Structures are given as structure tokens and as C-alpha cells.
N, C-alpha and C. Protein backbone atom coordinates (compact mmCIF):
# COMPACT_ATOMS: atom_id res chain seq x y z
N MET A 1 0.88 -1.19 0.01
CA MET A 1 -0.01 -0.02 0.01
C MET A 1 0.87 1.20 -0.03
N SER A 2 0.60 2.17 -0.90
CA SER A 2 1.41 3.36 -0.99
C SER A 2 1.14 4.26 0.21
N ALA A 3 2.17 5.09 0.51
CA ALA A 3 2.02 6.00 1.66
C ALA A 3 1.04 7.11 1.38
N ILE A 4 0.33 7.51 2.45
CA ILE A 4 -0.61 8.62 2.32
C ILE A 4 0.17 9.91 2.51
N THR A 5 0.00 10.86 1.61
CA THR A 5 0.78 12.09 1.69
C THR A 5 -0.25 13.26 1.63
N PRO A 6 0.18 14.48 1.98
CA PRO A 6 -0.68 15.60 1.92
C PRO A 6 -0.74 16.26 0.51
N GLU A 7 -0.11 15.55 -0.43
CA GLU A 7 -0.01 16.15 -1.79
C GLU A 7 -1.37 16.62 -2.40
N PRO A 8 -2.41 15.78 -2.33
CA PRO A 8 -3.71 16.24 -2.91
C PRO A 8 -4.23 17.57 -2.24
N ILE A 9 -4.01 17.66 -0.92
CA ILE A 9 -4.48 18.79 -0.22
C ILE A 9 -3.69 20.03 -0.60
N LEU A 10 -2.36 19.89 -0.71
CA LEU A 10 -1.50 20.99 -1.04
C LEU A 10 -1.71 21.45 -2.50
N ASN A 11 -2.04 20.48 -3.36
CA ASN A 11 -2.34 20.85 -4.73
C ASN A 11 -3.54 21.76 -4.85
N ILE A 12 -4.57 21.42 -4.08
CA ILE A 12 -5.78 22.24 -4.05
C ILE A 12 -5.48 23.60 -3.33
N ALA A 13 -4.78 23.62 -2.27
CA ALA A 13 -4.50 24.79 -1.47
C ALA A 13 -3.66 25.79 -2.26
N THR A 14 -2.77 25.30 -3.15
CA THR A 14 -1.93 26.25 -3.87
C THR A 14 -2.45 26.57 -5.24
N GLY A 15 -3.60 26.10 -5.58
CA GLY A 15 -4.21 26.39 -6.90
C GLY A 15 -4.38 27.87 -7.21
N PHE A 16 -4.62 28.67 -6.14
CA PHE A 16 -4.86 30.08 -6.39
C PHE A 16 -3.61 30.75 -6.91
N MET A 17 -2.39 30.21 -6.62
CA MET A 17 -1.19 30.80 -7.09
C MET A 17 -1.12 30.83 -8.58
N ALA A 18 -1.46 29.70 -9.21
CA ALA A 18 -1.49 29.58 -10.65
C ALA A 18 -2.48 30.55 -11.27
N ALA A 19 -3.63 30.67 -10.60
CA ALA A 19 -4.66 31.61 -11.13
C ALA A 19 -4.16 33.01 -11.09
N LYS A 20 -3.55 33.38 -9.97
CA LYS A 20 -3.09 34.78 -9.94
C LYS A 20 -1.93 35.06 -10.86
N GLN A 21 -1.06 34.06 -11.12
CA GLN A 21 -0.05 34.22 -12.10
C GLN A 21 -0.56 34.39 -13.50
N LEU A 22 -1.63 33.62 -13.78
CA LEU A 22 -2.31 33.82 -15.10
C LEU A 22 -2.93 35.19 -15.22
N PHE A 23 -3.65 35.64 -14.18
CA PHE A 23 -4.23 36.92 -14.20
C PHE A 23 -3.21 37.99 -14.49
N ALA A 24 -2.06 37.88 -13.79
CA ALA A 24 -1.00 38.89 -13.96
C ALA A 24 -0.41 38.87 -15.38
N ALA A 25 -0.22 37.65 -15.91
CA ALA A 25 0.29 37.55 -17.25
C ALA A 25 -0.63 38.18 -18.26
N SER A 26 -1.92 37.99 -18.10
CA SER A 26 -2.91 38.63 -19.01
C SER A 26 -2.95 40.09 -18.82
N GLU A 27 -2.85 40.54 -17.57
CA GLU A 27 -3.00 42.01 -17.28
C GLU A 27 -1.83 42.78 -17.86
N ILE A 28 -0.63 42.24 -17.86
CA ILE A 28 0.55 42.98 -18.32
C ILE A 28 0.68 42.82 -19.86
N GLY A 29 -0.23 42.04 -20.50
CA GLY A 29 -0.16 41.92 -21.94
C GLY A 29 0.88 40.98 -22.48
N LEU A 30 1.20 39.98 -21.65
CA LEU A 30 2.24 38.98 -22.02
C LEU A 30 1.81 38.26 -23.28
N PHE A 31 0.64 37.72 -23.33
CA PHE A 31 0.20 36.89 -24.48
C PHE A 31 0.08 37.75 -25.73
N GLU A 32 -0.35 38.98 -25.64
CA GLU A 32 -0.43 39.89 -26.75
C GLU A 32 0.97 40.21 -27.32
N ALA A 33 1.95 40.27 -26.39
CA ALA A 33 3.33 40.56 -26.79
C ALA A 33 3.93 39.44 -27.64
N LEU A 34 3.35 38.23 -27.51
CA LEU A 34 3.83 37.10 -28.25
C LEU A 34 2.89 36.74 -29.42
N ALA A 35 1.89 37.59 -29.71
CA ALA A 35 0.94 37.36 -30.74
C ALA A 35 1.54 37.27 -32.13
N ASP A 36 2.62 38.03 -32.42
CA ASP A 36 3.19 38.06 -33.71
C ASP A 36 4.34 37.10 -33.95
N GLY A 37 4.69 36.35 -32.87
CA GLY A 37 5.75 35.37 -32.97
C GLY A 37 6.62 35.32 -31.73
N PRO A 38 7.61 34.44 -31.77
CA PRO A 38 8.51 34.25 -30.62
C PRO A 38 9.28 35.52 -30.26
N ALA A 39 9.60 35.58 -28.99
CA ALA A 39 10.39 36.74 -28.47
C ALA A 39 11.29 36.27 -27.33
N SER A 40 12.41 37.01 -27.16
CA SER A 40 13.26 36.74 -26.04
C SER A 40 12.73 37.47 -24.81
N LEU A 41 13.29 37.13 -23.67
CA LEU A 41 12.90 37.78 -22.42
C LEU A 41 13.09 39.33 -22.48
N GLU A 42 14.22 39.71 -23.07
CA GLU A 42 14.50 41.11 -23.18
C GLU A 42 13.42 41.84 -24.09
N GLU A 43 13.10 41.19 -25.19
CA GLU A 43 12.12 41.74 -26.09
C GLU A 43 10.70 41.80 -25.45
N LEU A 44 10.36 40.79 -24.60
CA LEU A 44 9.09 40.82 -23.86
C LEU A 44 9.09 41.94 -22.85
N SER A 45 10.26 42.14 -22.18
CA SER A 45 10.32 43.23 -21.24
C SER A 45 10.06 44.58 -21.97
N GLY A 46 10.64 44.78 -23.07
CA GLY A 46 10.43 46.02 -23.81
C GLY A 46 8.94 46.18 -24.29
N LYS A 47 8.37 45.08 -24.82
CA LYS A 47 7.04 45.21 -25.32
C LYS A 47 5.99 45.45 -24.24
N THR A 48 6.25 44.90 -23.04
CA THR A 48 5.25 45.03 -21.93
C THR A 48 5.59 46.18 -20.95
N ALA A 49 6.80 46.74 -21.10
CA ALA A 49 7.26 47.73 -20.12
C ALA A 49 7.32 47.21 -18.68
N VAL A 50 7.67 45.96 -18.60
CA VAL A 50 7.83 45.28 -17.28
C VAL A 50 9.29 44.87 -17.11
N PRO A 51 9.89 45.09 -15.96
CA PRO A 51 11.31 44.76 -15.76
C PRO A 51 11.58 43.30 -16.10
N ALA A 52 12.73 43.04 -16.73
CA ALA A 52 13.06 41.68 -17.15
C ALA A 52 13.01 40.67 -16.04
N ARG A 53 13.43 41.07 -14.83
CA ARG A 53 13.45 40.12 -13.71
C ARG A 53 12.05 39.64 -13.39
N THR A 54 11.08 40.57 -13.25
CA THR A 54 9.73 40.16 -12.84
C THR A 54 8.97 39.52 -13.96
N ILE A 55 9.13 40.00 -15.18
CA ILE A 55 8.44 39.36 -16.26
C ILE A 55 8.99 37.96 -16.46
N GLY A 56 10.25 37.77 -16.14
CA GLY A 56 10.83 36.43 -16.23
C GLY A 56 10.16 35.46 -15.29
N ILE A 57 9.77 35.97 -14.09
CA ILE A 57 9.02 35.08 -13.16
C ILE A 57 7.68 34.70 -13.72
N VAL A 58 6.99 35.69 -14.31
CA VAL A 58 5.62 35.42 -14.86
C VAL A 58 5.73 34.48 -16.08
N VAL A 59 6.72 34.68 -16.96
CA VAL A 59 6.85 33.86 -18.14
C VAL A 59 7.21 32.41 -17.74
N ALA A 60 8.04 32.22 -16.72
CA ALA A 60 8.42 30.92 -16.28
C ALA A 60 7.18 30.24 -15.71
N ALA A 61 6.34 30.93 -15.04
CA ALA A 61 5.13 30.34 -14.47
C ALA A 61 4.20 29.90 -15.64
N MET A 62 4.07 30.71 -16.68
CA MET A 62 3.22 30.31 -17.81
C MET A 62 3.80 29.12 -18.58
N VAL A 63 5.16 29.05 -18.61
CA VAL A 63 5.78 27.84 -19.23
C VAL A 63 5.42 26.61 -18.41
N SER A 64 5.54 26.72 -17.10
CA SER A 64 5.28 25.58 -16.26
C SER A 64 3.84 25.13 -16.31
N LEU A 65 2.92 26.08 -16.61
CA LEU A 65 1.48 25.82 -16.72
C LEU A 65 1.11 25.32 -18.16
N GLY A 66 2.05 25.34 -19.02
CA GLY A 66 1.77 24.87 -20.37
C GLY A 66 1.12 25.91 -21.32
N LEU A 67 1.08 27.18 -20.95
CA LEU A 67 0.46 28.19 -21.79
C LEU A 67 1.43 28.85 -22.73
N ILE A 68 2.75 28.80 -22.35
CA ILE A 68 3.79 29.38 -23.21
C ILE A 68 4.88 28.32 -23.40
N ASP A 69 5.42 28.25 -24.57
CA ASP A 69 6.50 27.31 -24.94
C ASP A 69 7.81 28.05 -24.89
N HIS A 70 8.91 27.36 -24.52
CA HIS A 70 10.21 27.95 -24.42
C HIS A 70 11.19 27.07 -25.16
N LYS A 71 11.93 27.66 -26.13
CA LYS A 71 12.95 26.91 -26.89
C LYS A 71 14.02 27.87 -27.37
N ASP A 72 15.26 27.52 -27.17
CA ASP A 72 16.36 28.25 -27.64
C ASP A 72 16.29 29.78 -27.25
N SER A 73 16.02 30.01 -25.96
CA SER A 73 15.98 31.36 -25.38
C SER A 73 14.82 32.20 -25.96
N LEU A 74 13.87 31.60 -26.66
CA LEU A 74 12.76 32.26 -27.14
C LEU A 74 11.44 31.73 -26.57
N TYR A 75 10.48 32.59 -26.42
CA TYR A 75 9.18 32.21 -25.90
C TYR A 75 8.11 32.41 -26.94
N ARG A 76 7.17 31.47 -26.97
CA ARG A 76 6.02 31.63 -27.92
C ARG A 76 4.78 31.15 -27.23
N ASN A 77 3.64 31.72 -27.64
CA ASN A 77 2.35 31.23 -27.10
C ASN A 77 2.08 29.82 -27.44
N GLY A 78 1.54 29.06 -26.49
CA GLY A 78 0.99 27.77 -26.78
C GLY A 78 -0.32 27.95 -27.51
N GLU A 79 -0.89 26.95 -28.04
CA GLU A 79 -2.08 27.03 -28.83
C GLU A 79 -3.25 27.63 -28.08
N PRO A 80 -3.58 27.20 -26.87
CA PRO A 80 -4.72 27.84 -26.15
C PRO A 80 -4.44 29.36 -25.89
N ALA A 81 -3.26 29.71 -25.48
CA ALA A 81 -2.98 31.18 -25.29
C ALA A 81 -3.05 31.90 -26.57
N ALA A 82 -2.53 31.38 -27.69
CA ALA A 82 -2.59 32.09 -28.96
C ALA A 82 -4.00 32.25 -29.45
N THR A 83 -4.84 31.30 -29.13
CA THR A 83 -6.21 31.34 -29.62
C THR A 83 -7.12 32.24 -28.79
N PHE A 84 -7.01 32.20 -27.49
CA PHE A 84 -7.94 32.88 -26.60
C PHE A 84 -7.45 34.04 -25.83
N LEU A 85 -6.09 34.26 -25.80
CA LEU A 85 -5.51 35.29 -24.86
C LEU A 85 -4.66 36.36 -25.58
N ALA A 86 -4.46 36.18 -26.89
CA ALA A 86 -3.52 37.04 -27.61
C ALA A 86 -4.20 38.18 -28.34
N GLY A 87 -5.48 38.34 -28.20
CA GLY A 87 -6.20 39.42 -28.83
C GLY A 87 -6.52 39.24 -30.29
N LYS A 88 -6.46 38.04 -30.78
CA LYS A 88 -6.78 37.74 -32.15
C LYS A 88 -8.30 37.64 -32.34
N PRO A 89 -8.79 37.77 -33.60
CA PRO A 89 -10.20 37.59 -33.86
C PRO A 89 -10.72 36.27 -33.35
N GLY A 90 -11.93 36.23 -32.83
CA GLY A 90 -12.48 35.01 -32.30
C GLY A 90 -12.85 35.21 -30.86
N HIS A 91 -13.00 34.09 -30.14
CA HIS A 91 -13.41 34.10 -28.73
C HIS A 91 -12.24 34.66 -27.88
N ASP A 92 -12.39 35.78 -27.24
CA ASP A 92 -11.42 36.38 -26.41
C ASP A 92 -11.74 36.13 -24.94
N VAL A 93 -10.86 35.40 -24.25
CA VAL A 93 -11.13 34.99 -22.85
C VAL A 93 -10.56 36.03 -21.86
N ARG A 94 -9.83 37.02 -22.35
CA ARG A 94 -9.24 38.03 -21.42
C ARG A 94 -10.23 38.73 -20.58
N PRO A 95 -11.45 39.13 -21.10
CA PRO A 95 -12.40 39.76 -20.16
C PRO A 95 -12.84 38.86 -19.07
N VAL A 96 -12.92 37.54 -19.30
CA VAL A 96 -13.27 36.58 -18.26
C VAL A 96 -12.21 36.58 -17.19
N LEU A 97 -10.98 36.62 -17.56
CA LEU A 97 -9.91 36.64 -16.53
C LEU A 97 -9.97 37.90 -15.70
N ARG A 98 -10.23 39.03 -16.38
CA ARG A 98 -10.37 40.29 -15.62
C ARG A 98 -11.53 40.21 -14.62
N PHE A 99 -12.60 39.58 -15.10
CA PHE A 99 -13.77 39.42 -14.19
C PHE A 99 -13.37 38.64 -12.94
N PHE A 100 -12.76 37.44 -13.20
CA PHE A 100 -12.35 36.58 -12.09
C PHE A 100 -11.46 37.30 -11.14
N ASN A 101 -10.49 38.04 -11.67
CA ASN A 101 -9.49 38.63 -10.81
C ASN A 101 -10.00 39.84 -10.09
N SER A 102 -10.81 40.69 -10.73
CA SER A 102 -11.25 41.93 -10.11
C SER A 102 -12.56 41.88 -9.36
N ILE A 103 -13.45 40.99 -9.82
CA ILE A 103 -14.78 40.91 -9.25
C ILE A 103 -14.99 39.67 -8.41
N SER A 104 -14.71 38.52 -8.93
CA SER A 104 -15.04 37.26 -8.31
C SER A 104 -13.97 36.91 -7.15
N TYR A 105 -12.70 37.06 -7.44
CA TYR A 105 -11.63 36.65 -6.51
C TYR A 105 -11.77 37.41 -5.20
N PRO A 106 -11.96 38.71 -5.14
CA PRO A 106 -12.09 39.39 -3.85
C PRO A 106 -13.25 38.94 -3.04
N VAL A 107 -14.34 38.53 -3.71
CA VAL A 107 -15.54 38.04 -3.03
C VAL A 107 -15.27 36.64 -2.41
N TRP A 108 -14.52 35.81 -3.16
CA TRP A 108 -14.21 34.48 -2.62
C TRP A 108 -13.24 34.58 -1.45
N GLU A 109 -12.51 35.67 -1.31
CA GLU A 109 -11.68 35.81 -0.13
C GLU A 109 -12.55 35.95 1.13
N ARG A 110 -13.76 36.32 0.95
CA ARG A 110 -14.71 36.43 2.16
C ARG A 110 -15.63 35.25 2.24
N PHE A 111 -15.34 34.20 1.58
CA PHE A 111 -16.22 33.05 1.55
C PHE A 111 -16.47 32.46 2.93
N ALA A 112 -15.36 32.28 3.69
CA ALA A 112 -15.51 31.66 5.06
C ALA A 112 -16.45 32.50 5.85
N ASP A 113 -16.35 33.89 5.82
CA ASP A 113 -17.25 34.72 6.52
C ASP A 113 -18.69 34.57 6.18
N ALA A 114 -18.92 34.38 4.83
CA ALA A 114 -20.31 34.19 4.27
C ALA A 114 -20.84 32.84 4.82
N VAL A 115 -19.96 31.79 4.84
CA VAL A 115 -20.42 30.52 5.41
C VAL A 115 -20.82 30.61 6.89
N ARG A 116 -19.91 31.30 7.60
CA ARG A 116 -20.25 31.45 9.04
C ARG A 116 -21.49 32.25 9.27
N GLY A 117 -21.69 33.27 8.44
CA GLY A 117 -22.92 34.07 8.64
C GLY A 117 -24.19 33.57 7.99
N GLY A 118 -24.07 32.55 7.20
CA GLY A 118 -25.18 31.92 6.63
C GLY A 118 -25.86 32.73 5.51
N GLU A 119 -25.13 33.69 4.96
CA GLU A 119 -25.76 34.56 3.95
C GLU A 119 -24.78 34.77 2.78
N GLY A 120 -25.32 35.02 1.60
CA GLY A 120 -24.52 35.35 0.45
C GLY A 120 -24.09 36.79 0.49
N GLN A 121 -23.26 37.14 -0.46
CA GLN A 121 -22.75 38.52 -0.55
C GLN A 121 -23.27 39.12 -1.83
N ALA A 122 -24.29 39.97 -1.72
CA ALA A 122 -24.92 40.62 -2.87
C ALA A 122 -23.92 41.61 -3.51
N GLN A 123 -23.76 41.55 -4.80
CA GLN A 123 -22.90 42.46 -5.54
C GLN A 123 -23.62 43.46 -6.39
N PHE A 124 -24.74 43.06 -6.99
CA PHE A 124 -25.45 43.93 -7.91
C PHE A 124 -25.80 45.24 -7.20
N GLY A 125 -25.57 46.32 -7.89
CA GLY A 125 -25.86 47.69 -7.33
C GLY A 125 -24.75 48.23 -6.53
N LYS A 126 -23.61 47.44 -6.32
CA LYS A 126 -22.53 47.94 -5.58
C LYS A 126 -21.26 48.22 -6.40
N PHE A 127 -21.34 48.02 -7.69
CA PHE A 127 -20.24 48.18 -8.55
C PHE A 127 -20.01 49.69 -8.83
N ASP A 128 -18.65 50.04 -8.88
CA ASP A 128 -18.37 51.32 -9.47
C ASP A 128 -18.31 51.23 -10.93
N ARG A 129 -18.07 52.34 -11.67
CA ARG A 129 -18.18 52.34 -13.15
C ARG A 129 -17.18 51.31 -13.76
N GLU A 130 -15.96 51.29 -13.23
CA GLU A 130 -14.96 50.37 -13.76
C GLU A 130 -15.31 48.94 -13.55
N GLN A 131 -15.83 48.62 -12.32
CA GLN A 131 -16.28 47.26 -11.98
C GLN A 131 -17.42 46.86 -12.85
N GLN A 132 -18.34 47.84 -13.14
CA GLN A 132 -19.52 47.52 -13.96
C GLN A 132 -19.09 47.10 -15.33
N GLN A 133 -18.12 47.81 -15.93
CA GLN A 133 -17.60 47.49 -17.25
C GLN A 133 -16.91 46.11 -17.24
N ILE A 134 -16.10 45.83 -16.20
CA ILE A 134 -15.42 44.53 -16.12
C ILE A 134 -16.41 43.38 -15.98
N PHE A 135 -17.45 43.62 -15.17
CA PHE A 135 -18.50 42.64 -14.98
C PHE A 135 -19.19 42.28 -16.30
N SER A 136 -19.68 43.37 -16.96
CA SER A 136 -20.46 43.20 -18.15
C SER A 136 -19.62 42.48 -19.32
N ALA A 137 -18.38 42.99 -19.43
CA ALA A 137 -17.55 42.38 -20.47
C ALA A 137 -17.18 40.92 -20.18
N GLY A 138 -17.04 40.64 -18.89
CA GLY A 138 -16.70 39.27 -18.49
C GLY A 138 -17.87 38.30 -18.72
N VAL A 139 -19.00 38.77 -18.32
CA VAL A 139 -20.20 37.89 -18.55
C VAL A 139 -20.46 37.68 -20.09
N GLU A 140 -20.30 38.73 -20.82
CA GLU A 140 -20.49 38.60 -22.26
C GLU A 140 -19.48 37.60 -22.88
N ALA A 141 -18.23 37.76 -22.51
CA ALA A 141 -17.20 36.83 -23.03
C ALA A 141 -17.44 35.41 -22.61
N PHE A 142 -17.93 35.23 -21.36
CA PHE A 142 -18.11 33.87 -20.82
C PHE A 142 -19.28 33.22 -21.49
N THR A 143 -20.38 33.95 -21.77
CA THR A 143 -21.57 33.37 -22.36
C THR A 143 -21.61 33.32 -23.82
N ALA A 144 -20.72 34.05 -24.53
CA ALA A 144 -20.71 34.06 -25.98
C ALA A 144 -20.70 32.70 -26.66
N PRO A 145 -19.72 31.83 -26.24
CA PRO A 145 -19.73 30.45 -26.93
C PRO A 145 -21.01 29.68 -26.68
N VAL A 146 -21.54 29.82 -25.45
CA VAL A 146 -22.82 29.10 -25.14
C VAL A 146 -23.89 29.62 -26.07
N ALA A 147 -24.02 30.99 -26.18
CA ALA A 147 -25.09 31.52 -27.02
C ALA A 147 -24.92 31.15 -28.45
N ALA A 148 -23.67 31.09 -28.92
CA ALA A 148 -23.38 30.72 -30.31
C ALA A 148 -23.81 29.28 -30.64
N SER A 149 -23.78 28.43 -29.58
CA SER A 149 -24.04 27.04 -29.86
C SER A 149 -25.47 26.65 -29.57
N LEU A 150 -26.24 27.58 -29.08
CA LEU A 150 -27.63 27.28 -28.70
C LEU A 150 -28.51 27.28 -29.94
N ALA A 151 -29.04 26.10 -30.26
CA ALA A 151 -29.94 25.99 -31.44
C ALA A 151 -31.36 26.22 -30.94
N VAL A 152 -31.63 27.49 -30.56
CA VAL A 152 -32.87 27.88 -29.98
C VAL A 152 -33.28 29.21 -30.48
N ALA A 153 -34.59 29.51 -30.42
CA ALA A 153 -35.06 30.83 -30.66
C ALA A 153 -34.82 31.76 -29.52
N TYR A 154 -34.52 32.94 -29.82
CA TYR A 154 -34.24 33.91 -28.76
C TYR A 154 -35.47 34.13 -27.88
N SER A 155 -35.24 34.11 -26.56
CA SER A 155 -36.37 34.28 -25.66
C SER A 155 -36.19 35.43 -24.69
N ARG A 156 -37.12 36.42 -24.73
CA ARG A 156 -37.02 37.52 -23.82
C ARG A 156 -37.23 37.07 -22.40
N TYR A 157 -37.95 35.96 -22.20
CA TYR A 157 -38.11 35.44 -20.92
C TYR A 157 -36.77 34.95 -20.31
N LEU A 158 -35.94 34.37 -21.14
CA LEU A 158 -34.61 33.92 -20.65
C LEU A 158 -33.82 35.10 -20.12
N VAL A 159 -33.81 36.17 -20.84
CA VAL A 159 -33.03 37.34 -20.41
C VAL A 159 -33.62 38.02 -19.20
N ASN A 160 -34.95 38.32 -19.22
CA ASN A 160 -35.54 39.07 -18.18
C ASN A 160 -35.75 38.28 -16.85
N THR A 161 -36.10 36.96 -17.02
CA THR A 161 -36.46 36.21 -15.86
C THR A 161 -35.34 35.32 -15.34
N ILE A 162 -34.69 34.54 -16.20
CA ILE A 162 -33.67 33.63 -15.74
C ILE A 162 -32.39 34.36 -15.40
N LEU A 163 -31.96 35.23 -16.32
CA LEU A 163 -30.73 36.01 -16.09
C LEU A 163 -31.01 37.16 -15.08
N GLY A 164 -32.24 37.57 -14.98
CA GLY A 164 -32.56 38.60 -13.98
C GLY A 164 -32.19 39.96 -14.54
N CYS A 165 -32.00 40.14 -15.80
CA CYS A 165 -31.54 41.43 -16.31
C CYS A 165 -32.61 42.54 -16.13
N GLY A 166 -33.83 42.18 -15.88
CA GLY A 166 -34.76 43.25 -15.63
C GLY A 166 -34.57 43.91 -14.27
N ASN A 167 -33.82 43.33 -13.41
CA ASN A 167 -33.63 43.86 -12.06
C ASN A 167 -32.20 44.28 -11.78
N CYS A 168 -31.19 43.70 -12.46
CA CYS A 168 -29.83 44.00 -12.12
C CYS A 168 -29.37 45.28 -12.78
N GLN A 169 -28.21 45.74 -12.45
CA GLN A 169 -27.66 47.02 -12.95
C GLN A 169 -26.42 46.78 -13.74
N CYS A 170 -26.40 45.72 -14.57
CA CYS A 170 -25.16 45.33 -15.22
C CYS A 170 -25.07 45.82 -16.67
N SER A 171 -25.91 46.80 -17.05
CA SER A 171 -25.90 47.34 -18.46
C SER A 171 -26.29 46.29 -19.47
N CYS A 172 -26.40 45.03 -19.06
CA CYS A 172 -26.93 43.95 -19.82
C CYS A 172 -26.33 43.79 -21.21
N ARG A 173 -25.04 43.86 -21.32
CA ARG A 173 -24.36 43.47 -22.49
C ARG A 173 -24.52 42.00 -22.70
N THR A 174 -24.99 41.27 -21.67
CA THR A 174 -25.21 39.82 -21.76
C THR A 174 -26.31 39.51 -22.76
N GLN A 175 -27.10 40.48 -23.08
CA GLN A 175 -28.21 40.21 -24.04
C GLN A 175 -27.73 39.97 -25.45
N ARG A 176 -26.61 40.62 -25.77
CA ARG A 176 -26.12 40.57 -27.15
C ARG A 176 -25.74 39.20 -27.56
N PRO A 177 -24.89 38.45 -26.77
CA PRO A 177 -24.52 37.12 -27.27
C PRO A 177 -25.73 36.20 -27.32
N LEU A 178 -26.72 36.34 -26.38
CA LEU A 178 -27.87 35.51 -26.43
C LEU A 178 -28.70 35.81 -27.69
N ALA A 179 -28.73 37.08 -28.07
CA ALA A 179 -29.50 37.47 -29.28
C ALA A 179 -28.94 36.80 -30.54
N ALA A 180 -27.71 36.36 -30.49
CA ALA A 180 -27.14 35.66 -31.67
C ALA A 180 -27.85 34.39 -32.04
N ALA A 181 -28.55 33.88 -31.05
CA ALA A 181 -29.29 32.63 -31.31
C ALA A 181 -30.73 32.90 -31.80
N SER A 182 -31.08 34.19 -32.05
CA SER A 182 -32.47 34.53 -32.29
C SER A 182 -33.00 33.96 -33.52
N GLY A 183 -32.13 33.60 -34.52
CA GLY A 183 -32.63 33.08 -35.76
C GLY A 183 -32.89 31.61 -35.79
N ARG A 184 -32.58 30.93 -34.67
CA ARG A 184 -32.81 29.50 -34.58
C ARG A 184 -34.27 29.23 -34.21
N ARG A 185 -34.77 28.06 -34.58
CA ARG A 185 -36.19 27.75 -34.46
C ARG A 185 -36.49 26.58 -33.47
N SER A 186 -35.52 25.90 -32.98
CA SER A 186 -35.82 24.74 -32.12
C SER A 186 -36.20 25.21 -30.71
N ALA A 187 -36.76 24.26 -29.97
CA ALA A 187 -37.31 24.60 -28.63
C ALA A 187 -36.24 24.94 -27.65
N LEU A 188 -36.54 25.88 -26.72
CA LEU A 188 -35.63 26.25 -25.70
C LEU A 188 -35.60 25.21 -24.57
N THR A 189 -34.36 24.82 -24.26
CA THR A 189 -34.17 23.86 -23.17
C THR A 189 -33.10 24.44 -22.18
N ARG A 190 -33.27 24.15 -20.97
CA ARG A 190 -32.34 24.58 -19.95
C ARG A 190 -31.35 23.46 -19.68
N SER A 191 -30.34 23.37 -20.51
CA SER A 191 -29.37 22.33 -20.36
C SER A 191 -28.35 22.67 -19.26
N THR A 192 -27.53 21.68 -18.91
CA THR A 192 -26.55 21.93 -17.83
C THR A 192 -25.65 23.06 -18.22
N VAL A 193 -25.29 23.14 -19.58
CA VAL A 193 -24.39 24.16 -20.01
C VAL A 193 -24.95 25.50 -19.85
N ASP A 194 -26.18 25.73 -20.36
CA ASP A 194 -26.70 27.08 -20.29
C ASP A 194 -27.09 27.45 -18.85
N VAL A 195 -27.47 26.55 -18.03
CA VAL A 195 -27.78 26.88 -16.64
C VAL A 195 -26.51 27.34 -15.91
N ASN A 196 -25.34 26.66 -16.15
CA ASN A 196 -24.15 27.06 -15.60
C ASN A 196 -23.76 28.48 -16.07
N ALA A 197 -24.01 28.78 -17.35
CA ALA A 197 -23.70 30.12 -17.89
C ALA A 197 -24.54 31.14 -17.20
N VAL A 198 -25.83 30.78 -17.01
CA VAL A 198 -26.73 31.70 -16.24
C VAL A 198 -26.27 31.99 -14.88
N ARG A 199 -25.82 30.91 -14.21
CA ARG A 199 -25.33 31.06 -12.78
C ARG A 199 -24.11 32.00 -12.77
N PHE A 200 -23.27 31.90 -13.78
CA PHE A 200 -22.13 32.82 -13.82
C PHE A 200 -22.60 34.23 -13.89
N GLY A 201 -23.60 34.49 -14.71
CA GLY A 201 -24.06 35.86 -14.85
C GLY A 201 -24.87 36.37 -13.64
N ARG A 202 -25.62 35.48 -13.09
CA ARG A 202 -26.46 35.91 -11.97
C ARG A 202 -25.86 35.76 -10.60
N GLU A 203 -24.97 34.81 -10.44
CA GLU A 203 -24.33 34.60 -9.14
C GLU A 203 -22.86 34.74 -9.32
N ALA A 204 -22.46 35.82 -9.91
CA ALA A 204 -21.05 36.10 -10.20
C ALA A 204 -20.26 36.17 -8.91
N ALA A 205 -20.90 36.58 -7.87
CA ALA A 205 -20.27 36.60 -6.56
C ALA A 205 -21.28 36.07 -5.54
N TRP A 206 -20.73 35.43 -4.49
CA TRP A 206 -21.59 34.85 -3.54
C TRP A 206 -22.52 35.89 -2.93
């Protein structure tokens, strides 16, 4: 019988570090700096206006996470980063990362307090202008692939009732990706996928 170790626990406990490293990489424009091709650490430092020492730390973290490839002193985006984080046409995940880092992450830091108190933490109506923009862009980016794949007719009920856009103060840019499905004619179903997307929009924070 193999020895029992705390490795599974520590892997979970340190997961936030990888997330914060990813958020930082996206925020400083690391993936965009590699959008046109490989670059050295010095070139990345110049493109991002970040000191070579500290950007080296972030780049090394992204290499270890498999998002950036490193060969012959040059760095290049891995396929997922090149597709979703480099600012190219198509599905852009960067707004989702900004949402997680700026809106969701601070709320999760108070999760234990919410558990002890037995209540959620309402966020709607408490955003400043910048947070409002981050929230709306994040929800739109998160729900866009779901909306594009929904073979359903557009439903005002889905927007006003399920998403709660009639009551929230999120500027409702979330309506636009859902409207992309308006030309479809099949029946509306609440699948696991679209319910999870709805929860992201409606329960973005505890």
C-alpha cells in the first residue's frame, strides 16, 4: 500500500497561485506581446514595459502551466494562449480573466465569513463604473460560446427572468450574445451548459 501524503491537499491549497499568475500575465499583456511570434525575455520586457526580472518570473510560471512554450531562449504562445488570450479575432477570454481577478476573486476571499454568517454577498448595485464594465464584459465573453451554440429561438423570458436582467444594474451586454441565437427555431431547453452560464451571470459573486 502506498504511503498517504498531503499532496492532494496541497495541490488544491496552492491552486490560487497559478490563477493569480495567469491573471498577472494577461494583465501585463504578455500573451499579446507574443501574438506576432517568438520573443526573447528582453524583447518581452520592452514590449510590456515590465522589468526583465519580474516578467521572467511570470513567463516561467506560464511555461510551467503549459500556456507558453520555451525553446532556444525564445518564448512563444502555446495554442490555447494564442487562440484565446492574444487578442486575435475570435473568442477572447481576457475579459473573463479580468472578471475573475477583479470581481470574483475578492468576493471568494470572504467566503468563510459568508459561510459562518449563513448569507450570500450581494454584488449587484454595488459596482463602481470600472467594476461595472469589467463585470459586463466578463459575462458577455463567458456566455458568448454558449449563445453561439444554442440551437434555440431567442427568448425575452430567458433574459428578463432567468438572467434577471430586468432587475440587475449590469448594463446587460449579456443580451447581445444571447441574441445571436435569435434566428434559430428549435425549442428552448435549460441544459446543464446554459444553466451554468446563467449562474455565472447571476451569481457572479456569493
